[in-house]
Structure formats: C-alpha cells, structure tokens
C-alpha atoms as a PDB file:
ATOM      1  CA  UNK A   1       0.000   0.000   0.000  1.00  0.00           C
ATOM      2  CA  UNK A   2       2.805   2.417   0.825  1.00  0.00           C
ATOM      3  CA  UNK A   3       4.561   1.801  -2.487  1.00  0.00           C
ATOM      4  CA  UNK A   4       1.285   2.143  -4.381  1.00  0.00           C
ATOM      5  CA  UNK A   5       0.486   5.434  -2.647  1.00  0.00           C
ATOM      6  CA  UNK A   6       4.007   6.703  -3.274  1.00  0.00           C
ATOM      7  CA  UNK A   7       3.694   5.939  -6.997  1.00  0.00           C
ATOM      8  CA  UNK A   8       0.106   7.108  -7.565  1.00  0.00           C
ATOM      9  CA  UNK A   9      -0.423   9.655  -4.803  1.00  0.00           C
ATOM     10  CA  UNK A  10      -3.550   7.776  -3.716  1.00  0.00           C
ATOM     11  CA  UNK A  11      -4.353   4.808  -1.543  1.00  0.00           C
ATOM     12  CA  UNK A  12      -5.441   1.698  -3.467  1.00  0.00           C
ATOM     13  CA  UNK A  13      -9.050   2.263  -2.370  1.00  0.00           C
ATOM     14  CA  UNK A  14      -9.060   5.946  -3.382  1.00  0.00           C
ATOM     15  CA  UNK A  15      -7.506   5.015  -6.723  1.00  0.00           C
ATOM     16  CA  UNK A  16     -10.193   2.402  -7.385  1.00  0.00           C
ATOM     17  CA  UNK A  17     -12.987   4.780  -6.393  1.00  0.00           C
ATOM     18  CA  UNK A  18     -11.536   7.444  -8.667  1.00  0.00           C
ATOM     19  CA  UNK A  19     -11.527   5.032 -11.636  1.00  0.00           C
ATOM     20  CA  UNK A  20     -15.133   4.083 -10.926  1.00  0.00           C
ATOM     21  CA  UNK A  21     -16.135   7.746 -10.680  1.00  0.00           C
ATOM     22  CA  UNK A  22     -14.442   8.577 -13.981  1.00  0.00           C
ATOM     23  CA  UNK A  23     -16.520   5.832 -15.588  1.00  0.00           C
ATOM     24  CA  UNK A  24     -19.609   7.283 -13.904  1.00  0.00           C
ATOM     25  CA  UNK A  25     -18.839  10.712 -15.397  1.00  0.00           C
ATOM     26  CA  UNK A  26     -18.792   9.166 -18.854  1.00  0.00           C
ATOM     27  CA  UNK A  27     -22.096   7.419 -18.199  1.00  0.00           C
ATOM     28  CA  UNK A  28     -23.652  10.648 -16.910  1.00  0.00           C
ATOM     29  CA  UNK A  29     -22.655  12.399 -20.127  1.00  0.00           C
ATOM     30  CA  UNK A  30     -23.410   9.629 -22.612  1.00  0.00           C
ATOM     31  CA  UNK A  31     -26.433   7.749 -21.326  1.00  0.00           C
ATOM     32  CA  UNK A  32     -29.974   8.279 -20.172  1.00  0.00           C
ATOM     33  CA  UNK A  33     -29.567   6.007 -17.161  1.00  0.00           C
ATOM     34  CA  UNK A  34     -30.727   7.159 -13.753  1.00  0.00           C
ATOM     35  CA  UNK A  35     -28.246   8.040 -11.019  1.00  0.00           C
ATOM     36  CA  UNK A  36     -29.165   4.829  -9.220  1.00  0.00           C
ATOM     37  CA  UNK A  37     -28.466   2.727 -12.308  1.00  0.00           C
ATOM     38  CA  UNK A  38     -25.127   4.456 -12.826  1.00  0.00           C
ATOM     39  CA  UNK A  39     -24.258   3.967  -9.155  1.00  0.00           C
ATOM     40  CA  UNK A  40     -24.876   0.222  -9.392  1.00  0.00           C
ATOM     41  CA  UNK A  41     -23.202  -0.053 -12.818  1.00  0.00           C
ATOM     42  CA  UNK A  42     -20.023   1.459 -11.385  1.00  0.00           C
ATOM     43  CA  UNK A  43     -19.916  -0.724  -8.280  1.00  0.00           C
ATOM     44  CA  UNK A  44     -21.501   1.437  -5.600  1.00  0.00           C
ATOM     45  CA  UNK A  45     -23.939  -0.213  -3.198  1.00  0.00           C
ATOM     46  CA  UNK A  46     -26.250   2.779  -2.996  1.00  0.00           C
ATOM     47  CA  UNK A  47     -26.958   6.006  -4.808  1.00  0.00           C
ATOM     48  CA  UNK A  48     -26.223   7.969  -1.627  1.00  0.00           C
ATOM     49  CA  UNK A  49     -22.718   6.497  -1.361  1.00  0.00           C
ATOM     50  CA  UNK A  50     -22.205   7.219  -5.059  1.00  0.00           C
ATOM     51  CA  UNK A  51     -23.360  10.819  -4.649  1.00  0.00           C
ATOM     52  CA  UNK A  52     -21.200  11.497  -1.604  1.00  0.00           C
ATOM     53  CA  UNK A  53     -18.122   9.945  -3.251  1.00  0.00           C
ATOM     54  CA  UNK A  54     -18.718  11.860  -6.486  1.00  0.00           C
ATOM     55  CA  UNK A  55     -19.053  15.129  -4.577  1.00  0.00           C
ATOM     56  CA  UNK A  56     -15.930  14.397  -2.514  1.00  0.00           C
ATOM     57  CA  UNK A  57     -13.776  13.831  -5.614  1.00  0.00           C
ATOM     58  CA  UNK A  58     -15.276  16.359  -8.057  1.00  0.00           C
ATOM     59  CA  UNK A  59     -16.752  19.014  -5.713  1.00  0.00           C
ATOM     60  CA  UNK A  60     -20.131  18.781  -7.451  1.00  0.00           C
ATOM     61  CA  UNK A  61     -23.050  16.372  -7.165  1.00  0.00           C
ATOM     62  CA  UNK A  62     -23.679  13.963 -10.035  1.00  0.00           C
ATOM     63  CA  UNK A  63     -27.064  15.518 -10.814  1.00  0.00           C
ATOM     64  CA  UNK A  64     -25.585  19.024 -11.018  1.00  0.00           C
ATOM     65  CA  UNK A  65     -22.745  17.696 -13.142  1.00  0.00           C
ATOM     66  CA  UNK A  66     -25.212  16.137 -15.569  1.00  0.00           C
ATOM     67  CA  UNK A  67     -27.300  19.325 -15.762  1.00  0.00           C
ATOM     68  CA  UNK A  68     -24.211  21.491 -16.287  1.00  0.00           C
ATOM     69  CA  UNK A  69     -23.045  19.349 -19.190  1.00  0.00           C
END
C-alpha cells in the first residue's frame, strides 16, 4: 500500500474509487440512465454512497454535473 500510494499519490481504495467515478462521469454524459443505475453499474452499493463519493472527488453532485453538461 505504501509503495502504491508513493507511486500514484492515492491509496489503493481511493484510486479504485476514482476510476469508478471517472466511468460514472462518462455514463452521466453519454447515457440516459438514472443516477441509481449508474451507481450500481459502477460498483456502488447505494446512490447515496455514489453521490457522496462523487461530490468528494469532483466538488459537485452527479445531478448538477449532468445538468451542467
């Protein structure tokens, strides 16, 4: 874990979450799926966990992101 964090700047868990959230951004932009569907498609157990993680990483909620784009 220490070597991974040294190389990437993120813990393995944060790195994985970031990859999943990047995929979610693409789905928000390119699909008509609901936030709940996108949350489950990207490996989150609930839409609330997805929303809080998205906001933590990107400083905007998924719904606002989708509306802004």
